[in-house]
N, C-alpha and C. Protein backbone atom coordinates (compact mmCIF):
# COMPACT_ATOMS: atom_id res chain seq x y z
N MET A 1 -8.53 12.64 10.35
CA MET A 1 -7.78 13.16 9.25
C MET A 1 -8.99 13.57 8.22
N THR A 2 -9.04 14.62 7.81
CA THR A 2 -9.97 15.15 6.90
C THR A 2 -9.88 14.96 5.49
N PRO A 3 -10.60 14.36 4.82
CA PRO A 3 -10.58 14.11 3.54
C PRO A 3 -10.47 15.39 2.68
N ASN A 4 -9.57 15.27 1.56
CA ASN A 4 -9.26 16.36 0.78
C ASN A 4 -9.63 16.25 -0.84
N VAL A 5 -9.98 15.08 -1.08
CA VAL A 5 -9.99 14.72 -2.35
C VAL A 5 -11.40 13.94 -2.76
N HIS A 6 -12.15 14.03 -3.63
CA HIS A 6 -13.28 13.23 -3.90
C HIS A 6 -13.31 12.63 -5.30
N PHE A 7 -13.70 11.35 -5.34
CA PHE A 7 -13.78 10.76 -6.60
C PHE A 7 -15.18 10.14 -6.77
N TRP A 8 -15.74 10.18 -8.02
CA TRP A 8 -17.29 9.84 -8.25
C TRP A 8 -17.26 8.41 -8.45
N LYS A 9 -18.30 7.80 -8.26
CA LYS A 9 -18.43 6.28 -8.70
C LYS A 9 -17.99 6.12 -10.10
N ASN A 10 -17.30 5.00 -10.35
CA ASN A 10 -16.58 4.55 -11.67
C ASN A 10 -15.62 5.56 -12.17
N GLN A 11 -15.30 6.81 -11.47
CA GLN A 11 -14.17 7.42 -11.92
C GLN A 11 -12.67 6.82 -11.79
N THR A 12 -11.95 6.86 -12.63
CA THR A 12 -10.65 6.39 -12.67
C THR A 12 -9.73 7.41 -11.72
N VAL A 13 -9.13 6.92 -10.74
CA VAL A 13 -8.24 7.69 -9.91
C VAL A 13 -6.81 7.99 -10.62
N PHE A 14 -6.36 6.79 -11.12
CA PHE A 14 -5.22 7.13 -11.78
C PHE A 14 -4.97 5.51 -12.59
N GLU A 15 -4.17 5.77 -13.70
CA GLU A 15 -4.02 4.46 -14.53
C GLU A 15 -2.54 3.88 -14.56
N GLU A 16 -2.45 2.51 -14.60
CA GLU A 16 -1.25 1.94 -14.78
C GLU A 16 -0.25 2.52 -15.68
N GLY A 17 0.86 2.70 -15.42
CA GLY A 17 2.13 3.10 -16.21
C GLY A 17 2.12 4.66 -16.26
N TYR A 18 1.41 5.28 -15.37
CA TYR A 18 1.81 6.62 -15.25
C TYR A 18 2.47 7.14 -14.02
N LEU A 19 3.16 8.29 -13.94
CA LEU A 19 4.04 8.61 -12.92
C LEU A 19 3.29 8.83 -11.81
N ALA A 20 3.53 8.60 -10.46
CA ALA A 20 2.81 8.76 -9.32
C ALA A 20 3.29 10.24 -8.84
N ASP A 21 2.20 10.86 -8.30
CA ASP A 21 2.21 12.31 -7.75
C ASP A 21 1.64 12.25 -6.31
N ALA A 22 0.78 11.35 -5.94
CA ALA A 22 0.21 11.22 -4.41
C ALA A 22 -0.09 9.69 -4.23
N ALA A 23 -0.21 9.59 -2.92
CA ALA A 23 -0.89 8.26 -2.42
C ALA A 23 -2.18 8.84 -1.62
N TYR A 24 -3.06 7.78 -1.25
CA TYR A 24 -4.42 8.00 -0.75
C TYR A 24 -4.81 7.28 0.28
N LEU A 25 -5.58 7.69 1.31
CA LEU A 25 -6.09 7.04 2.48
C LEU A 25 -7.29 7.39 2.11
N ILE A 26 -8.25 6.25 2.12
CA ILE A 26 -9.70 6.14 2.02
C ILE A 26 -10.24 6.59 3.17
N CYS A 27 -11.15 7.47 3.25
CA CYS A 27 -11.87 7.98 4.45
C CYS A 27 -13.24 7.60 4.33
N GLU A 28 -13.88 7.36 3.17
CA GLU A 28 -15.14 7.01 3.05
C GLU A 28 -15.25 6.38 1.52
N GLY A 29 -15.97 5.30 1.41
CA GLY A 29 -16.32 4.73 0.10
C GLY A 29 -15.20 3.48 -0.30
N SER A 30 -15.18 3.30 -1.44
CA SER A 30 -14.27 2.03 -1.87
C SER A 30 -13.79 2.13 -3.18
N VAL A 31 -12.70 1.37 -3.42
CA VAL A 31 -11.94 1.51 -4.88
C VAL A 31 -11.45 -0.06 -5.27
N GLU A 32 -11.33 0.04 -6.38
CA GLU A 32 -10.96 -1.37 -6.97
C GLU A 32 -9.59 -1.22 -7.64
N VAL A 33 -8.67 -1.95 -7.26
CA VAL A 33 -7.28 -1.90 -7.94
C VAL A 33 -7.07 -3.05 -8.76
N PHE A 34 -6.85 -2.81 -10.21
CA PHE A 34 -6.83 -3.73 -11.14
C PHE A 34 -5.65 -3.56 -12.31
N ARG A 35 -5.54 -4.61 -12.92
CA ARG A 35 -4.54 -4.60 -14.00
C ARG A 35 -5.31 -5.15 -15.26
N ILE A 36 -5.01 -4.95 -16.42
CA ILE A 36 -5.51 -5.50 -17.68
C ILE A 36 -4.35 -6.10 -18.33
N ARG A 37 -4.57 -7.57 -18.57
CA ARG A 37 -3.40 -8.31 -19.05
C ARG A 37 -4.02 -9.12 -20.23
N ASP A 38 -3.36 -9.24 -21.24
CA ASP A 38 -4.08 -10.00 -22.34
C ASP A 38 -5.61 -9.70 -22.37
N SER A 39 -6.18 -8.46 -22.38
CA SER A 39 -7.53 -8.22 -22.63
C SER A 39 -8.37 -8.74 -21.44
N GLN A 40 -7.65 -8.97 -20.21
CA GLN A 40 -8.45 -9.70 -19.37
C GLN A 40 -8.38 -8.73 -17.97
N HIS A 41 -9.34 -8.51 -17.27
CA HIS A 41 -9.57 -7.62 -16.19
C HIS A 41 -9.15 -8.30 -14.87
N ILE A 42 -8.02 -8.18 -14.20
CA ILE A 42 -7.58 -8.78 -12.97
C ILE A 42 -7.73 -7.82 -11.93
N THR A 43 -8.81 -8.21 -10.84
CA THR A 43 -8.87 -7.43 -9.79
C THR A 43 -7.69 -7.84 -8.68
N LEU A 44 -6.86 -6.94 -8.30
CA LEU A 44 -5.91 -7.32 -7.35
C LEU A 44 -6.42 -6.93 -5.97
N ALA A 45 -7.18 -5.92 -5.81
CA ALA A 45 -8.01 -5.70 -4.34
C ALA A 45 -8.98 -4.73 -4.40
N VAL A 46 -10.05 -4.91 -3.37
CA VAL A 46 -11.07 -3.88 -3.27
C VAL A 46 -10.81 -3.39 -2.08
N LEU A 47 -10.48 -1.98 -1.79
CA LEU A 47 -10.08 -1.25 -0.50
C LEU A 47 -11.18 -0.45 -0.29
N ASP A 48 -11.38 -0.24 1.14
CA ASP A 48 -12.42 0.42 1.63
C ASP A 48 -11.84 1.34 2.73
N LYS A 49 -12.66 1.76 3.58
CA LYS A 49 -12.22 2.84 4.73
C LYS A 49 -10.82 2.51 5.20
N ASP A 50 -10.28 3.39 5.39
CA ASP A 50 -8.63 3.18 6.10
C ASP A 50 -7.76 2.44 5.23
N GLY A 51 -8.20 2.05 3.75
CA GLY A 51 -7.32 1.42 2.97
C GLY A 51 -6.41 2.54 2.37
N ILE A 52 -5.36 2.07 2.03
CA ILE A 52 -4.36 3.02 1.46
C ILE A 52 -3.96 2.42 -0.03
N PHE A 53 -3.95 3.40 -1.10
CA PHE A 53 -3.56 2.90 -2.33
C PHE A 53 -2.50 4.00 -3.05
N GLY A 54 -1.80 3.72 -3.95
CA GLY A 54 -0.82 4.37 -4.55
C GLY A 54 0.41 4.59 -4.05
N GLU A 55 0.70 4.01 -2.68
CA GLU A 55 2.01 4.32 -2.00
C GLU A 55 3.00 3.69 -2.70
N MET A 56 2.98 2.40 -3.43
CA MET A 56 3.99 1.75 -3.99
C MET A 56 4.84 2.38 -4.88
N ALA A 57 4.22 3.03 -5.78
CA ALA A 57 4.79 3.79 -6.79
C ALA A 57 5.65 5.04 -6.39
N ILE A 58 5.08 5.69 -5.18
CA ILE A 58 5.88 6.78 -4.60
C ILE A 58 7.20 6.20 -3.79
N ILE A 59 6.96 5.13 -3.14
CA ILE A 59 8.06 4.60 -2.48
C ILE A 59 9.20 3.98 -3.42
N SER A 60 8.66 3.36 -4.43
CA SER A 60 9.62 2.80 -5.31
C SER A 60 10.22 3.66 -6.41
N ASP A 61 9.56 4.88 -6.51
CA ASP A 61 9.88 5.92 -7.72
C ASP A 61 9.78 5.33 -8.91
N LYS A 62 8.74 4.44 -9.34
CA LYS A 62 8.41 3.90 -10.48
C LYS A 62 7.04 4.37 -10.85
N VAL A 63 6.77 3.93 -12.07
CA VAL A 63 5.35 4.28 -12.66
C VAL A 63 4.10 3.25 -11.79
N ARG A 64 3.23 3.79 -12.04
CA ARG A 64 2.05 2.94 -11.28
C ARG A 64 1.84 1.65 -11.88
N SER A 65 1.57 0.64 -11.10
CA SER A 65 1.69 -0.78 -11.44
C SER A 65 0.26 -1.36 -11.72
N ALA A 66 -0.71 -0.57 -11.41
CA ALA A 66 -2.09 -0.90 -11.46
C ALA A 66 -2.99 0.42 -11.76
N THR A 67 -4.31 0.06 -11.96
CA THR A 67 -5.22 1.03 -12.28
C THR A 67 -6.08 1.16 -11.04
N VAL A 68 -6.60 2.29 -10.62
CA VAL A 68 -7.52 2.24 -9.47
C VAL A 68 -8.67 3.12 -10.08
N ARG A 69 -9.87 2.33 -9.75
CA ARG A 69 -11.17 3.19 -10.00
C ARG A 69 -12.22 3.02 -8.90
N ALA A 70 -12.85 4.24 -8.70
CA ALA A 70 -13.89 4.11 -7.58
C ALA A 70 -14.89 3.30 -7.68
N VAL A 71 -15.26 2.49 -6.76
CA VAL A 71 -16.44 1.52 -6.82
C VAL A 71 -17.69 2.23 -6.66
N SER A 72 -17.54 3.29 -5.50
CA SER A 72 -18.52 4.16 -5.06
C SER A 72 -18.14 5.49 -5.07
N ASP A 73 -19.04 6.47 -4.52
CA ASP A 73 -18.17 7.64 -4.36
C ASP A 73 -17.21 7.76 -3.12
N VAL A 74 -16.19 8.20 -3.51
CA VAL A 74 -15.01 8.09 -2.64
C VAL A 74 -14.45 9.31 -1.91
N TRP A 75 -14.28 9.57 -0.91
CA TRP A 75 -13.60 10.69 -0.13
C TRP A 75 -12.30 10.15 0.29
N CYS A 76 -11.17 10.86 -0.08
CA CYS A 76 -9.89 10.28 0.34
C CYS A 76 -8.97 11.51 0.96
N TYR A 77 -7.99 11.08 1.70
CA TYR A 77 -6.94 12.13 2.14
C TYR A 77 -5.72 11.74 1.27
N ALA A 78 -5.56 12.73 0.45
CA ALA A 78 -4.28 12.77 -0.62
C ALA A 78 -3.17 13.35 -0.15
N ILE A 79 -2.10 12.62 -0.19
CA ILE A 79 -0.77 13.25 0.31
C ILE A 79 0.09 13.30 -0.96
N SER A 80 0.93 14.32 -1.17
CA SER A 80 1.68 14.60 -2.37
C SER A 80 2.92 13.65 -2.15
N LYS A 81 3.53 13.29 -3.19
CA LYS A 81 4.79 12.46 -3.17
C LYS A 81 5.91 13.26 -2.09
N ARG A 82 5.99 14.64 -2.45
CA ARG A 82 7.01 15.40 -1.88
C ARG A 82 6.71 15.26 -0.23
N THR A 83 5.63 15.66 0.08
CA THR A 83 5.01 15.61 1.68
C THR A 83 5.47 14.21 2.23
N PHE A 84 4.96 13.13 1.26
CA PHE A 84 5.17 11.71 1.89
C PHE A 84 6.64 11.53 2.25
N LEU A 85 7.53 12.05 1.20
CA LEU A 85 9.01 11.77 1.51
C LEU A 85 9.59 12.53 2.46
N GLU A 86 8.89 13.64 2.92
CA GLU A 86 9.40 14.47 4.00
C GLU A 86 8.84 13.81 5.25
N LYS A 87 7.61 13.25 5.23
CA LYS A 87 7.19 12.49 6.55
C LYS A 87 8.04 11.31 6.77
N LEU A 88 8.50 10.64 5.53
CA LEU A 88 9.25 9.35 5.59
C LEU A 88 10.60 9.71 6.59
N LYS A 89 11.21 10.98 6.16
CA LYS A 89 12.41 11.16 6.94
C LYS A 89 12.36 11.46 8.28
N ASN A 90 11.02 11.72 8.83
CA ASN A 90 10.85 12.06 10.17
C ASN A 90 10.34 10.93 11.11
N ILE A 91 10.17 9.73 10.50
CA ILE A 91 9.84 8.83 11.39
C ILE A 91 11.00 8.01 11.95
N PRO A 92 10.77 7.43 13.18
CA PRO A 92 11.89 7.13 14.18
C PRO A 92 12.89 6.09 13.18
N PRO A 93 14.22 6.12 13.63
CA PRO A 93 15.06 5.34 12.66
C PRO A 93 14.81 3.74 12.67
N ASP A 94 14.28 3.30 13.82
CA ASP A 94 14.09 1.82 13.79
C ASP A 94 12.74 1.50 13.10
N VAL A 95 11.86 2.45 13.09
CA VAL A 95 10.52 2.25 12.37
C VAL A 95 11.01 2.38 10.88
N ARG A 96 11.67 3.27 10.66
CA ARG A 96 12.26 3.27 9.06
C ARG A 96 12.93 2.34 8.62
N ASP A 97 13.80 1.66 9.44
CA ASP A 97 14.51 0.39 8.76
C ASP A 97 13.40 -0.78 8.78
N VAL A 98 12.49 -0.89 9.64
CA VAL A 98 11.52 -1.90 9.30
C VAL A 98 10.67 -1.64 8.14
N PHE A 99 10.11 -0.32 7.87
CA PHE A 99 9.39 0.02 6.72
C PHE A 99 10.24 -0.08 5.58
N ASP A 100 11.54 0.16 5.44
CA ASP A 100 12.39 -0.11 4.15
C ASP A 100 12.23 -1.60 4.06
N GLN A 101 12.39 -2.35 5.18
CA GLN A 101 12.59 -3.89 4.89
C GLN A 101 11.07 -4.50 4.49
N LEU A 102 10.02 -3.87 4.93
CA LEU A 102 8.80 -4.25 4.37
C LEU A 102 8.58 -3.81 2.86
N VAL A 103 9.15 -2.92 2.49
CA VAL A 103 9.04 -2.28 1.02
C VAL A 103 9.96 -3.27 0.08
N ASP A 104 10.95 -3.64 0.80
CA ASP A 104 11.93 -4.63 -0.09
C ASP A 104 11.23 -6.11 -0.17
N ALA A 105 10.64 -6.49 0.82
CA ALA A 105 9.70 -7.61 0.95
C ALA A 105 8.71 -7.75 -0.13
N ILE A 106 7.97 -6.55 -0.20
CA ILE A 106 6.82 -6.50 -1.22
C ILE A 106 7.46 -6.50 -2.67
N ARG A 107 8.46 -5.67 -2.63
CA ARG A 107 9.17 -5.55 -4.02
C ARG A 107 9.63 -7.03 -4.54
N ALA A 108 10.06 -7.76 -3.66
CA ALA A 108 10.53 -9.14 -4.01
C ALA A 108 9.36 -9.73 -4.53
N LYS A 109 8.38 -9.74 -3.75
CA LYS A 109 7.05 -10.53 -4.10
C LYS A 109 6.57 -10.25 -5.50
N SER A 110 6.77 -8.92 -5.67
CA SER A 110 6.11 -8.32 -6.90
C SER A 110 7.17 -8.81 -8.16
N GLU A 111 8.44 -8.99 -7.89
CA GLU A 111 9.29 -9.40 -8.90
C GLU A 111 9.31 -10.91 -9.23
N ALA A 112 8.45 -11.45 -8.16
CA ALA A 112 8.32 -12.77 -8.33
C ALA A 112 6.99 -13.24 -9.01
N ALA A 113 6.36 -12.12 -9.47
CA ALA A 113 5.09 -12.30 -10.19
C ALA A 113 4.00 -12.81 -9.44
N VAL A 114 3.80 -12.35 -8.32
CA VAL A 114 2.80 -12.61 -7.48
C VAL A 114 1.92 -11.42 -7.12
N LEU A 115 0.54 -11.52 -6.95
CA LEU A 115 -0.41 -10.50 -6.86
C LEU A 115 -0.48 -10.55 -5.08
N ILE A 116 -0.51 -9.31 -4.48
CA ILE A 116 -0.40 -9.17 -2.91
C ILE A 116 -1.56 -8.65 -2.60
N ASP A 117 -2.47 -9.18 -1.97
CA ASP A 117 -3.77 -8.63 -1.42
C ASP A 117 -3.92 -8.63 -0.08
N HIS A 118 -3.26 -7.73 0.79
CA HIS A 118 -3.57 -7.57 2.19
C HIS A 118 -3.22 -8.94 2.83
N GLY A 119 -2.22 -9.45 2.76
CA GLY A 119 -1.75 -10.87 3.28
C GLY A 119 -2.02 -12.08 2.64
N ARG A 120 -2.61 -12.01 1.48
CA ARG A 120 -2.90 -13.25 0.63
C ARG A 120 -2.04 -12.93 -0.67
N VAL A 121 -1.38 -13.99 -1.16
CA VAL A 121 -0.77 -13.84 -2.47
C VAL A 121 -1.23 -14.85 -3.19
N ARG A 122 -1.10 -14.77 -4.84
CA ARG A 122 -1.55 -15.56 -5.63
C ARG A 122 -0.56 -15.16 -6.76
N SER A 123 -0.27 -16.10 -7.66
CA SER A 123 0.43 -15.90 -8.92
C SER A 123 -0.81 -15.37 -9.94
N LEU A 124 -0.45 -14.97 -10.95
CA LEU A 124 -1.45 -14.50 -11.81
C LEU A 124 -2.29 -15.34 -12.53
N GLU A 125 -1.79 -16.61 -12.44
CA GLU A 125 -2.63 -17.66 -12.94
C GLU A 125 -3.25 -18.62 -11.82
N GLY A 126 -2.70 -18.67 -10.53
CA GLY A 126 -3.04 -19.62 -9.44
C GLY A 126 -3.84 -18.99 -8.41
N PRO A 127 -4.49 -19.72 -7.58
CA PRO A 127 -5.41 -19.60 -6.61
C PRO A 127 -4.77 -18.64 -5.55
N MET A 128 -5.28 -17.95 -4.61
CA MET A 128 -4.88 -17.36 -3.65
C MET A 128 -4.42 -18.25 -2.33
N GLU A 129 -3.45 -17.93 -1.58
CA GLU A 129 -2.96 -18.75 -0.47
C GLU A 129 -2.44 -17.79 0.69
N ASP A 130 -2.54 -18.30 1.81
CA ASP A 130 -1.87 -17.38 2.73
C ASP A 130 -0.23 -17.25 2.73
N ALA A 131 0.18 -16.19 2.79
CA ALA A 131 1.66 -16.06 2.78
C ALA A 131 2.27 -16.50 3.92
N ASP A 132 3.69 -17.07 3.67
CA ASP A 132 4.42 -17.61 4.60
C ASP A 132 5.24 -16.49 5.41
N ALA A 133 4.66 -16.27 6.59
CA ALA A 133 5.51 -15.33 7.37
C ALA A 133 6.80 -15.48 7.52
N SER A 134 7.42 -16.72 7.58
CA SER A 134 8.71 -17.05 7.67
C SER A 134 9.64 -16.52 6.41
N GLY A 135 9.09 -16.24 5.39
CA GLY A 135 9.71 -15.90 3.96
C GLY A 135 9.53 -14.34 3.88
N LEU A 136 9.14 -13.46 4.97
CA LEU A 136 8.81 -12.22 5.16
C LEU A 136 10.21 -11.27 4.43
N GLY A 137 11.29 -11.90 5.02
CA GLY A 137 12.54 -11.20 4.51
C GLY A 137 12.90 -9.85 5.34
N ILE A 138 12.33 -9.89 6.65
CA ILE A 138 12.55 -8.81 7.62
C ILE A 138 13.50 -9.08 8.84
N LYS A 139 14.71 -8.86 8.72
CA LYS A 139 15.65 -9.04 9.67
C LYS A 139 15.20 -8.70 11.18
N ASP A 140 14.57 -7.40 11.20
CA ASP A 140 13.92 -7.10 12.73
C ASP A 140 12.61 -7.48 12.93
N GLN A 141 12.24 -8.81 12.64
CA GLN A 141 11.14 -8.99 13.10
C GLN A 141 10.60 -9.13 14.49
N HIS A 142 11.70 -9.19 15.27
CA HIS A 142 11.39 -9.39 16.69
C HIS A 142 10.96 -7.78 17.21
N LEU A 143 11.16 -6.77 16.36
CA LEU A 143 10.59 -5.39 16.72
C LEU A 143 9.06 -5.36 16.57
N LEU A 144 8.51 -6.10 15.89
CA LEU A 144 7.13 -6.08 15.61
C LEU A 144 6.25 -6.69 16.81
N GLN A 145 7.10 -7.20 17.78
CA GLN A 145 6.49 -7.44 19.10
C GLN A 145 7.10 -6.63 20.33
N ASP A 146 7.87 -5.80 20.08
CA ASP A 146 8.47 -4.79 21.10
C ASP A 146 7.46 -3.78 21.29
N PRO A 147 6.95 -3.58 22.53
CA PRO A 147 6.22 -2.56 22.93
C PRO A 147 6.64 -1.10 22.90
N VAL A 148 8.01 -0.88 22.81
CA VAL A 148 8.46 0.44 22.58
C VAL A 148 8.25 0.72 21.33
N PHE A 149 8.73 -0.39 20.18
CA PHE A 149 8.62 -0.04 18.83
C PHE A 149 7.11 0.15 18.50
N LEU A 150 6.34 -0.61 18.84
CA LEU A 150 4.96 -0.49 18.53
C LEU A 150 4.18 0.90 18.91
N GLN A 151 4.83 1.45 20.15
CA GLN A 151 4.30 2.74 20.46
C GLN A 151 4.85 3.77 19.61
N GLU A 152 6.07 3.57 18.89
CA GLU A 152 6.51 4.46 17.91
C GLU A 152 5.77 4.57 16.95
N VAL A 153 5.30 3.49 16.57
CA VAL A 153 4.20 3.30 15.22
C VAL A 153 3.19 4.00 15.49
N GLU A 154 2.52 3.70 16.67
CA GLU A 154 1.27 4.49 17.00
C GLU A 154 1.47 5.92 17.17
N ASP A 155 2.58 6.42 17.42
CA ASP A 155 2.86 7.93 17.73
C ASP A 155 3.02 8.55 16.42
N MET A 156 3.14 7.92 15.30
CA MET A 156 3.36 8.39 14.11
C MET A 156 1.78 9.19 13.55
N ASP A 157 2.05 10.15 12.46
CA ASP A 157 0.73 10.64 12.29
C ASP A 157 -0.07 9.59 11.58
N VAL A 158 -1.49 10.14 11.39
CA VAL A 158 -2.35 9.01 10.84
C VAL A 158 -1.91 8.36 9.57
N PHE A 159 -1.72 9.11 8.80
CA PHE A 159 -1.32 8.48 7.33
C PHE A 159 -0.10 7.72 7.47
N MET A 160 0.95 8.05 8.00
CA MET A 160 2.22 7.19 8.34
C MET A 160 1.99 5.95 8.84
N ARG A 161 0.97 6.05 9.97
CA ARG A 161 0.76 4.90 10.78
C ARG A 161 -0.07 3.63 9.79
N ALA A 162 -1.08 4.34 9.24
CA ALA A 162 -1.78 3.57 8.16
C ALA A 162 -0.93 2.96 7.09
N MET A 163 -0.13 3.64 6.69
CA MET A 163 0.99 3.41 5.58
C MET A 163 1.64 1.97 6.22
N PHE A 164 2.35 2.28 7.33
CA PHE A 164 3.20 1.16 7.87
C PHE A 164 2.23 -0.05 7.82
N LYS A 165 1.05 -0.13 8.86
CA LYS A 165 0.20 -1.14 8.86
C LYS A 165 -0.31 -1.95 7.46
N SER A 166 -0.29 -0.97 6.65
CA SER A 166 -0.77 -1.60 5.15
C SER A 166 0.28 -2.33 4.57
N LEU A 167 1.54 -1.66 4.61
CA LEU A 167 2.86 -2.47 4.27
C LEU A 167 3.10 -3.78 5.00
N LEU A 168 2.81 -3.71 6.31
CA LEU A 168 3.06 -4.82 7.07
C LEU A 168 2.06 -6.00 6.64
N ARG A 169 0.81 -5.63 6.40
CA ARG A 169 -0.28 -6.81 5.89
C ARG A 169 0.14 -7.19 4.50
N MET A 170 0.60 -6.28 3.53
CA MET A 170 0.92 -6.72 2.38
C MET A 170 2.20 -7.65 2.23
N ALA A 171 3.04 -7.29 3.05
CA ALA A 171 4.34 -8.10 3.36
C ALA A 171 4.25 -9.47 3.68
N HIS A 172 3.18 -9.53 4.74
CA HIS A 172 2.88 -10.97 5.33
C HIS A 172 2.18 -11.82 4.18
């Protein structure tokens, strides 16, 4: 996938509270995802090559829940909200069902006031712990072992495949 947008080191990509217009797949470089609470800088994640950010605001149709800043010069592939939603309509139905379940699980964690950092969760005040996979909230977990299902995921375009895998890591 060819990068189509560049951010300079220390450049803010987007800020918390603004409407989402795109999601990003990092092709080169790294970004920090953070929030400011009570004047305190709270790093939620540092993402590098193949990391995706900005997707949850598009999926949930809400404002950005965090600020993203380039840690280094960053080249990304950006996908507009409109294009993303069109791609979402075209993925296989069983993959779409699990995709929706992953989004619901991530939303539930967010509503429970935890930070999700690629398979690790912590409250805003507490230490990071491994997430309990049994509490994932996905009724079709058996599909995650099904070779046909896994091939459907692999057959999606690069962005949607990376998005699915990113959601899976966040939900666990």
